[in-house]
Amino acid sequence: MNWGNKIAVVFALFVALVITMVTISFNQDVNLVAENYYEEEIAYQSHMKKVANAMEWDTPIKVEQQGDVVYLYFQNAGEVEGEITFFRPSDAKMDFKVDLEEENYIPVEKLQSGVWQVDISWSKGEKAYHKEERIFIQK
C-alpha cells in the first residue's frame, strides 16, 4: 500500500469518526433546568425579593420524609395561595406541581429515590414568597 492510499484510509476513518460523534450527540437527551431559561434570568431580581420575603416568614416551613410519605408542613396555609414544585435535577420528565395546603403529603412511590428539590411559592395579599428545600428520598 503506498502513502496515498494510507492518507485516504486515515481521512475516511476520521470522517467516519466525526459522523459517529455527531450522530451520538444528536441522540442525547438535554435536560434544561427550565425551558424558558433566559426569561427567568431576566426576572431573577424579583425571585430574590421573594426569597428574602420568605426568610422573614414567621412560621417554619418543613419538608421531610416519614416512612412512605413526604410531608410538607406549612402553618396558616389557608390564608395564602401557592404551589409546590417537585423538581428532579437529573430528569425533567419527573417534575410535577401540587397546590399548597395546610398539610401536604406525597406518597413516596410517586417519587424515585435520590435528590429532589422542593420549590414552595406562595403569596399573601400583595406580597410574594419563595422557599427552596432539598430532600433525599430513600425507599
N, C-alpha and C. Protein backbone atom coordinates (compact mmCIF):
# COMPACT_ATOMS: atom_id res chain seq x y z
N MET A 1 0.86 -1.17 0.00
CA MET A 1 0.00 0.00 0.00
C MET A 1 0.91 1.24 0.00
N ASN A 2 0.67 2.16 -0.93
CA ASN A 2 1.50 3.35 -0.98
C ASN A 2 0.96 4.44 -0.04
N TRP A 3 1.71 5.52 0.07
CA TRP A 3 1.34 6.55 1.05
C TRP A 3 0.05 7.27 0.67
N GLY A 4 -0.31 7.34 -0.55
CA GLY A 4 -1.56 7.97 -0.99
C GLY A 4 -2.78 7.19 -0.49
N ASN A 5 -2.70 5.87 -0.57
CA ASN A 5 -3.79 5.03 -0.07
C ASN A 5 -3.91 5.14 1.45
N LYS A 6 -2.77 5.22 2.12
CA LYS A 6 -2.79 5.34 3.59
C LYS A 6 -3.46 6.65 4.02
N ILE A 7 -3.16 7.73 3.32
CA ILE A 7 -3.79 9.03 3.63
C ILE A 7 -5.30 8.94 3.40
N ALA A 8 -5.72 8.29 2.32
CA ALA A 8 -7.15 8.14 2.03
C ALA A 8 -7.85 7.33 3.11
N VAL A 9 -7.20 6.27 3.62
CA VAL A 9 -7.80 5.44 4.67
C VAL A 9 -7.92 6.23 5.97
N VAL A 10 -6.85 6.97 6.33
CA VAL A 10 -6.89 7.78 7.55
C VAL A 10 -7.99 8.84 7.44
N PHE A 11 -8.09 9.49 6.29
CA PHE A 11 -9.13 10.51 6.10
C PHE A 11 -10.52 9.89 6.20
N ALA A 12 -10.73 8.73 5.60
CA ALA A 12 -12.03 8.05 5.66
C ALA A 12 -12.37 7.67 7.09
N LEU A 13 -11.40 7.18 7.86
CA LEU A 13 -11.64 6.85 9.27
C LEU A 13 -12.00 8.10 10.09
N PHE A 14 -11.31 9.20 9.80
CA PHE A 14 -11.61 10.45 10.50
C PHE A 14 -13.03 10.92 10.20
N VAL A 15 -13.46 10.87 8.96
CA VAL A 15 -14.81 11.27 8.56
C VAL A 15 -15.84 10.36 9.24
N ALA A 16 -15.55 9.06 9.28
CA ALA A 16 -16.47 8.12 9.94
C ALA A 16 -16.58 8.43 11.43
N LEU A 17 -15.47 8.77 12.07
CA LEU A 17 -15.47 9.13 13.50
C LEU A 17 -16.29 10.39 13.74
N VAL A 18 -16.13 11.41 12.91
CA VAL A 18 -16.87 12.66 13.07
C VAL A 18 -18.36 12.40 12.88
N ILE A 19 -18.75 11.64 11.89
CA ILE A 19 -20.16 11.35 11.65
C ILE A 19 -20.75 10.57 12.82
N THR A 20 -19.99 9.62 13.36
CA THR A 20 -20.46 8.86 14.52
C THR A 20 -20.66 9.76 15.73
N MET A 21 -19.72 10.65 16.00
CA MET A 21 -19.84 11.56 17.15
C MET A 21 -21.02 12.52 16.99
N VAL A 22 -21.25 13.02 15.79
CA VAL A 22 -22.39 13.92 15.55
C VAL A 22 -23.70 13.16 15.77
N THR A 23 -23.79 11.93 15.30
CA THR A 23 -24.99 11.12 15.48
C THR A 23 -25.26 10.86 16.96
N ILE A 24 -24.23 10.51 17.70
CA ILE A 24 -24.38 10.26 19.14
C ILE A 24 -24.83 11.52 19.86
N SER A 25 -24.24 12.66 19.53
CA SER A 25 -24.59 13.90 20.23
C SER A 25 -26.02 14.33 19.95
N PHE A 26 -26.52 14.10 18.74
CA PHE A 26 -27.91 14.46 18.43
C PHE A 26 -28.92 13.56 19.13
N ASN A 27 -28.53 12.36 19.49
CA ASN A 27 -29.44 11.42 20.15
C ASN A 27 -29.45 11.54 21.67
N GLN A 28 -28.68 12.44 22.25
CA GLN A 28 -28.63 12.62 23.70
C GLN A 28 -29.81 13.47 24.17
N ASP A 29 -30.36 13.13 25.36
CA ASP A 29 -31.39 13.95 25.98
C ASP A 29 -30.74 15.16 26.63
N VAL A 30 -31.35 16.32 26.43
CA VAL A 30 -30.85 17.54 27.05
C VAL A 30 -31.88 17.97 28.08
N ASN A 31 -31.51 17.90 29.37
CA ASN A 31 -32.40 18.30 30.45
C ASN A 31 -32.02 19.69 30.92
N LEU A 32 -32.81 20.67 30.55
CA LEU A 32 -32.58 22.03 30.99
C LEU A 32 -33.23 22.24 32.35
N VAL A 33 -32.69 23.15 33.13
CA VAL A 33 -33.31 23.47 34.40
C VAL A 33 -34.69 24.05 34.16
N ALA A 34 -34.81 24.88 33.15
CA ALA A 34 -36.10 25.46 32.78
C ALA A 34 -36.13 25.64 31.27
N GLU A 35 -37.28 25.47 30.68
CA GLU A 35 -37.41 25.64 29.24
C GLU A 35 -37.21 27.11 28.83
N ASN A 36 -37.71 28.01 29.63
CA ASN A 36 -37.60 29.44 29.34
C ASN A 36 -36.52 30.07 30.23
N TYR A 37 -35.32 29.55 30.13
CA TYR A 37 -34.21 29.94 30.99
C TYR A 37 -33.90 31.43 30.91
N TYR A 38 -33.86 32.01 29.72
CA TYR A 38 -33.47 33.41 29.56
C TYR A 38 -34.50 34.36 30.16
N GLU A 39 -35.79 34.05 30.02
CA GLU A 39 -36.81 34.89 30.62
C GLU A 39 -36.72 34.84 32.15
N GLU A 40 -36.44 33.65 32.69
CA GLU A 40 -36.31 33.52 34.14
C GLU A 40 -35.08 34.27 34.64
N GLU A 41 -34.02 34.29 33.86
CA GLU A 41 -32.81 35.01 34.27
C GLU A 41 -33.08 36.52 34.35
N ILE A 42 -33.88 37.03 33.45
CA ILE A 42 -34.22 38.45 33.47
C ILE A 42 -35.06 38.78 34.71
N ALA A 43 -35.93 37.87 35.12
CA ALA A 43 -36.80 38.09 36.28
C ALA A 43 -36.14 37.63 37.59
N TYR A 44 -34.85 37.42 37.61
CA TYR A 44 -34.17 36.86 38.78
C TYR A 44 -34.24 37.80 39.98
N GLN A 45 -34.20 39.11 39.77
CA GLN A 45 -34.24 40.05 40.89
C GLN A 45 -35.56 39.94 41.66
N SER A 46 -36.66 39.75 40.96
CA SER A 46 -37.94 39.58 41.65
C SER A 46 -37.96 38.25 42.40
N HIS A 47 -37.30 37.23 41.87
CA HIS A 47 -37.18 35.94 42.57
C HIS A 47 -36.39 36.12 43.87
N MET A 48 -35.32 36.88 43.81
CA MET A 48 -34.51 37.11 45.03
C MET A 48 -35.32 37.89 46.08
N LYS A 49 -36.20 38.78 45.65
CA LYS A 49 -37.07 39.50 46.57
C LYS A 49 -38.03 38.54 47.26
N LYS A 50 -38.56 37.58 46.50
CA LYS A 50 -39.46 36.56 47.07
C LYS A 50 -38.72 35.70 48.09
N VAL A 51 -37.48 35.34 47.80
CA VAL A 51 -36.67 34.54 48.73
C VAL A 51 -36.40 35.33 50.01
N ALA A 52 -36.10 36.61 49.87
CA ALA A 52 -35.87 37.46 51.04
C ALA A 52 -37.15 37.59 51.87
N ASN A 53 -38.29 37.70 51.22
CA ASN A 53 -39.57 37.75 51.94
C ASN A 53 -39.81 36.46 52.71
N ALA A 54 -39.45 35.31 52.11
CA ALA A 54 -39.66 34.02 52.77
C ALA A 54 -38.79 33.89 54.01
N MET A 55 -37.62 34.52 54.01
CA MET A 55 -36.76 34.47 55.20
C MET A 55 -37.38 35.20 56.38
N GLU A 56 -38.26 36.14 56.08
CA GLU A 56 -38.95 36.90 57.13
C GLU A 56 -40.27 36.26 57.54
N TRP A 57 -40.67 35.17 56.90
CA TRP A 57 -41.93 34.49 57.20
C TRP A 57 -41.88 34.01 58.64
N ASP A 58 -42.96 34.22 59.39
CA ASP A 58 -42.94 33.99 60.84
C ASP A 58 -43.09 32.55 61.28
N THR A 59 -43.64 31.67 60.46
CA THR A 59 -43.81 30.27 60.88
C THR A 59 -42.86 29.38 60.08
N PRO A 60 -42.32 28.35 60.70
CA PRO A 60 -41.37 27.48 59.98
C PRO A 60 -42.07 26.63 58.92
N ILE A 61 -41.34 26.36 57.86
CA ILE A 61 -41.80 25.51 56.78
C ILE A 61 -40.84 24.32 56.74
N LYS A 62 -41.41 23.12 56.77
CA LYS A 62 -40.58 21.93 56.88
C LYS A 62 -40.98 20.90 55.84
N VAL A 63 -40.00 20.29 55.18
CA VAL A 63 -40.23 19.20 54.24
C VAL A 63 -39.41 18.02 54.72
N GLU A 64 -40.08 16.87 54.94
CA GLU A 64 -39.35 15.70 55.41
C GLU A 64 -40.07 14.41 55.02
N GLN A 65 -39.29 13.36 54.90
CA GLN A 65 -39.83 12.04 54.60
C GLN A 65 -40.03 11.29 55.90
N GLN A 66 -41.23 10.76 56.07
CA GLN A 66 -41.54 9.92 57.23
C GLN A 66 -42.14 8.63 56.71
N GLY A 67 -41.32 7.61 56.66
CA GLY A 67 -41.79 6.32 56.16
C GLY A 67 -42.09 6.37 54.68
N ASP A 68 -43.35 6.09 54.33
CA ASP A 68 -43.76 6.03 52.93
C ASP A 68 -44.38 7.32 52.42
N VAL A 69 -44.21 8.41 53.17
CA VAL A 69 -44.85 9.68 52.80
C VAL A 69 -43.86 10.83 52.98
N VAL A 70 -43.90 11.80 52.05
CA VAL A 70 -43.15 13.04 52.19
C VAL A 70 -44.13 14.11 52.64
N TYR A 71 -43.87 14.70 53.80
CA TYR A 71 -44.75 15.73 54.36
C TYR A 71 -44.16 17.11 54.15
N LEU A 72 -45.03 18.07 53.88
CA LEU A 72 -44.66 19.47 53.87
C LEU A 72 -45.55 20.15 54.90
N TYR A 73 -44.93 20.67 55.94
CA TYR A 73 -45.67 21.36 56.99
C TYR A 73 -45.61 22.86 56.72
N PHE A 74 -46.78 23.46 56.56
CA PHE A 74 -46.88 24.88 56.27
C PHE A 74 -48.04 25.41 57.07
N GLN A 75 -47.75 26.01 58.20
CA GLN A 75 -48.82 26.53 59.06
C GLN A 75 -49.46 27.75 58.40
N ASN A 76 -50.73 27.94 58.68
CA ASN A 76 -51.51 29.06 58.15
C ASN A 76 -51.61 29.03 56.63
N ALA A 77 -51.59 27.85 56.03
CA ALA A 77 -51.67 27.75 54.57
C ALA A 77 -53.04 28.16 54.06
N GLY A 78 -54.07 28.11 54.90
CA GLY A 78 -55.40 28.52 54.47
C GLY A 78 -55.49 29.99 54.13
N GLU A 79 -54.55 30.77 54.64
CA GLU A 79 -54.56 32.22 54.42
C GLU A 79 -53.79 32.63 53.17
N VAL A 80 -53.13 31.69 52.51
CA VAL A 80 -52.28 32.03 51.37
C VAL A 80 -52.65 31.18 50.15
N GLU A 81 -52.18 31.61 48.99
CA GLU A 81 -52.31 30.84 47.76
C GLU A 81 -50.91 30.47 47.31
N GLY A 82 -50.75 29.25 46.82
CA GLY A 82 -49.43 28.88 46.35
C GLY A 82 -49.38 27.49 45.76
N GLU A 83 -48.17 27.10 45.38
CA GLU A 83 -47.97 25.78 44.82
C GLU A 83 -46.60 25.26 45.22
N ILE A 84 -46.49 23.95 45.15
CA ILE A 84 -45.24 23.26 45.47
C ILE A 84 -44.79 22.55 44.19
N THR A 85 -43.53 22.77 43.83
CA THR A 85 -42.96 22.11 42.66
C THR A 85 -41.92 21.11 43.12
N PHE A 86 -42.08 19.87 42.73
CA PHE A 86 -41.07 18.84 42.99
C PHE A 86 -40.22 18.75 41.73
N PHE A 87 -38.96 19.10 41.87
CA PHE A 87 -38.04 19.22 40.75
C PHE A 87 -36.94 18.17 40.87
N ARG A 88 -36.81 17.33 39.87
CA ARG A 88 -35.76 16.29 39.85
C ARG A 88 -34.62 16.79 38.97
N PRO A 89 -33.46 17.15 39.55
CA PRO A 89 -32.36 17.71 38.75
C PRO A 89 -31.87 16.78 37.64
N SER A 90 -31.98 15.48 37.82
CA SER A 90 -31.43 14.55 36.83
C SER A 90 -32.40 14.20 35.70
N ASP A 91 -33.70 14.50 35.86
CA ASP A 91 -34.66 14.13 34.82
C ASP A 91 -35.88 15.05 34.90
N ALA A 92 -36.00 15.95 33.94
CA ALA A 92 -37.09 16.92 33.95
C ALA A 92 -38.46 16.28 33.73
N LYS A 93 -38.50 15.06 33.21
CA LYS A 93 -39.78 14.40 32.96
C LYS A 93 -40.48 14.00 34.26
N MET A 94 -39.75 13.97 35.37
CA MET A 94 -40.32 13.57 36.66
C MET A 94 -40.89 14.76 37.44
N ASP A 95 -40.66 15.98 37.00
CA ASP A 95 -41.13 17.16 37.72
C ASP A 95 -42.66 17.20 37.77
N PHE A 96 -43.20 17.69 38.89
CA PHE A 96 -44.64 17.87 38.99
C PHE A 96 -44.95 18.94 40.03
N LYS A 97 -46.19 19.44 39.99
CA LYS A 97 -46.63 20.51 40.88
C LYS A 97 -47.89 20.09 41.61
N VAL A 98 -48.04 20.58 42.85
CA VAL A 98 -49.27 20.39 43.62
C VAL A 98 -49.62 21.73 44.28
N ASP A 99 -50.91 21.90 44.59
CA ASP A 99 -51.34 23.12 45.27
C ASP A 99 -50.93 23.09 46.74
N LEU A 100 -50.69 24.25 47.30
CA LEU A 100 -50.28 24.37 48.69
C LEU A 100 -51.50 24.27 49.61
N GLU A 101 -51.39 23.40 50.61
CA GLU A 101 -52.45 23.21 51.60
C GLU A 101 -51.83 23.24 52.99
N GLU A 102 -52.69 23.15 54.02
CA GLU A 102 -52.21 23.18 55.41
C GLU A 102 -51.17 22.08 55.67
N GLU A 103 -51.46 20.88 55.21
CA GLU A 103 -50.51 19.78 55.37
C GLU A 103 -50.51 18.97 54.08
N ASN A 104 -49.48 19.18 53.29
CA ASN A 104 -49.35 18.44 52.04
C ASN A 104 -48.60 17.14 52.31
N TYR A 105 -49.02 16.10 51.64
CA TYR A 105 -48.28 14.85 51.70
C TYR A 105 -48.27 14.20 50.33
N ILE A 106 -47.13 13.65 49.99
CA ILE A 106 -46.93 13.00 48.71
C ILE A 106 -46.46 11.57 49.00
N PRO A 107 -47.12 10.56 48.45
CA PRO A 107 -46.65 9.19 48.65
C PRO A 107 -45.26 9.01 48.04
N VAL A 108 -44.39 8.31 48.73
CA VAL A 108 -43.02 8.10 48.27
C VAL A 108 -42.99 7.31 46.96
N GLU A 109 -43.99 6.47 46.73
CA GLU A 109 -43.99 5.69 45.48
C GLU A 109 -44.13 6.58 44.25
N LYS A 110 -44.59 7.83 44.42
CA LYS A 110 -44.68 8.77 43.31
C LYS A 110 -43.31 9.37 42.98
N LEU A 111 -42.37 9.25 43.91
CA LEU A 111 -41.03 9.83 43.76
C LEU A 111 -40.00 8.72 43.65
N GLN A 112 -39.01 8.92 42.79
CA GLN A 112 -37.91 7.97 42.73
C GLN A 112 -36.88 8.29 43.80
N SER A 113 -36.12 7.31 44.21
CA SER A 113 -35.06 7.53 45.19
C SER A 113 -34.04 8.51 44.64
N GLY A 114 -33.51 9.33 45.52
CA GLY A 114 -32.48 10.28 45.12
C GLY A 114 -32.81 11.69 45.57
N VAL A 115 -32.10 12.64 44.99
CA VAL A 115 -32.22 14.05 45.37
C VAL A 115 -33.38 14.70 44.63
N TRP A 116 -34.20 15.45 45.37
CA TRP A 116 -35.29 16.24 44.82
C TRP A 116 -35.18 17.65 45.38
N GLN A 117 -35.50 18.63 44.56
CA GLN A 117 -35.61 20.00 45.05
C GLN A 117 -37.08 20.33 45.15
N VAL A 118 -37.48 20.83 46.30
CA VAL A 118 -38.87 21.20 46.53
C VAL A 118 -38.93 22.73 46.56
N ASP A 119 -39.61 23.31 45.57
CA ASP A 119 -39.78 24.77 45.48
C ASP A 119 -41.19 25.11 45.94
N ILE A 120 -41.27 25.96 46.95
CA ILE A 120 -42.55 26.37 47.50
C ILE A 120 -42.74 27.86 47.18
N SER A 121 -43.77 28.17 46.43
CA SER A 121 -44.07 29.56 46.08
C SER A 121 -45.47 29.89 46.58
N TRP A 122 -45.60 31.01 47.28
CA TRP A 122 -46.91 31.40 47.78
C TRP A 122 -46.99 32.91 47.86
N SER A 123 -48.22 33.39 48.04
CA SER A 123 -48.44 34.83 48.18
C SER A 123 -49.51 35.06 49.22
N LYS A 124 -49.37 36.15 49.90
CA LYS A 124 -50.35 36.59 50.89
C LYS A 124 -50.57 38.07 50.64
N GLY A 125 -51.75 38.38 50.18
CA GLY A 125 -52.03 39.76 49.81
C GLY A 125 -51.20 40.13 48.58
N GLU A 126 -50.49 41.22 48.67
CA GLU A 126 -49.66 41.69 47.57
C GLU A 126 -48.23 41.16 47.63
N LYS A 127 -47.88 40.50 48.73
CA LYS A 127 -46.51 40.07 48.94
C LYS A 127 -46.32 38.61 48.49
N ALA A 128 -45.25 38.36 47.73
CA ALA A 128 -44.96 37.02 47.22
C ALA A 128 -43.74 36.44 47.94
N TYR A 129 -43.73 35.11 48.07
CA TYR A 129 -42.69 34.41 48.81
C TYR A 129 -42.21 33.20 48.00
N HIS A 130 -40.98 32.77 48.28
CA HIS A 130 -40.45 31.57 47.63
C HIS A 130 -39.40 30.94 48.55
N LYS A 131 -39.51 29.61 48.71
CA LYS A 131 -38.55 28.87 49.52
C LYS A 131 -38.17 27.60 48.79
N GLU A 132 -36.89 27.24 48.87
CA GLU A 132 -36.39 26.03 48.23
C GLU A 132 -35.80 25.11 49.28
N GLU A 133 -36.15 23.84 49.18
CA GLU A 133 -35.63 22.81 50.09
C GLU A 133 -35.12 21.66 49.24
N ARG A 134 -34.06 21.02 49.69
CA ARG A 134 -33.58 19.80 49.03
C ARG A 134 -33.84 18.63 49.96
N ILE A 135 -34.38 17.56 49.39
CA ILE A 135 -34.61 16.37 50.17
C ILE A 135 -34.00 15.18 49.43
N PHE A 136 -33.69 14.16 50.21
CA PHE A 136 -33.17 12.91 49.63
C PHE A 136 -34.18 11.83 49.94
N ILE A 137 -34.77 11.26 48.92
CA ILE A 137 -35.78 10.22 49.08
C ILE A 137 -35.11 8.86 49.17
N GLN A 138 -35.46 8.13 50.21
CA GLN A 138 -34.97 6.75 50.37
C GLN A 138 -36.15 5.81 50.38
N LYS A 139 -36.06 4.76 49.62
CA LYS A 139 -37.15 3.77 49.61
C LYS A 139 -36.69 2.51 50.27
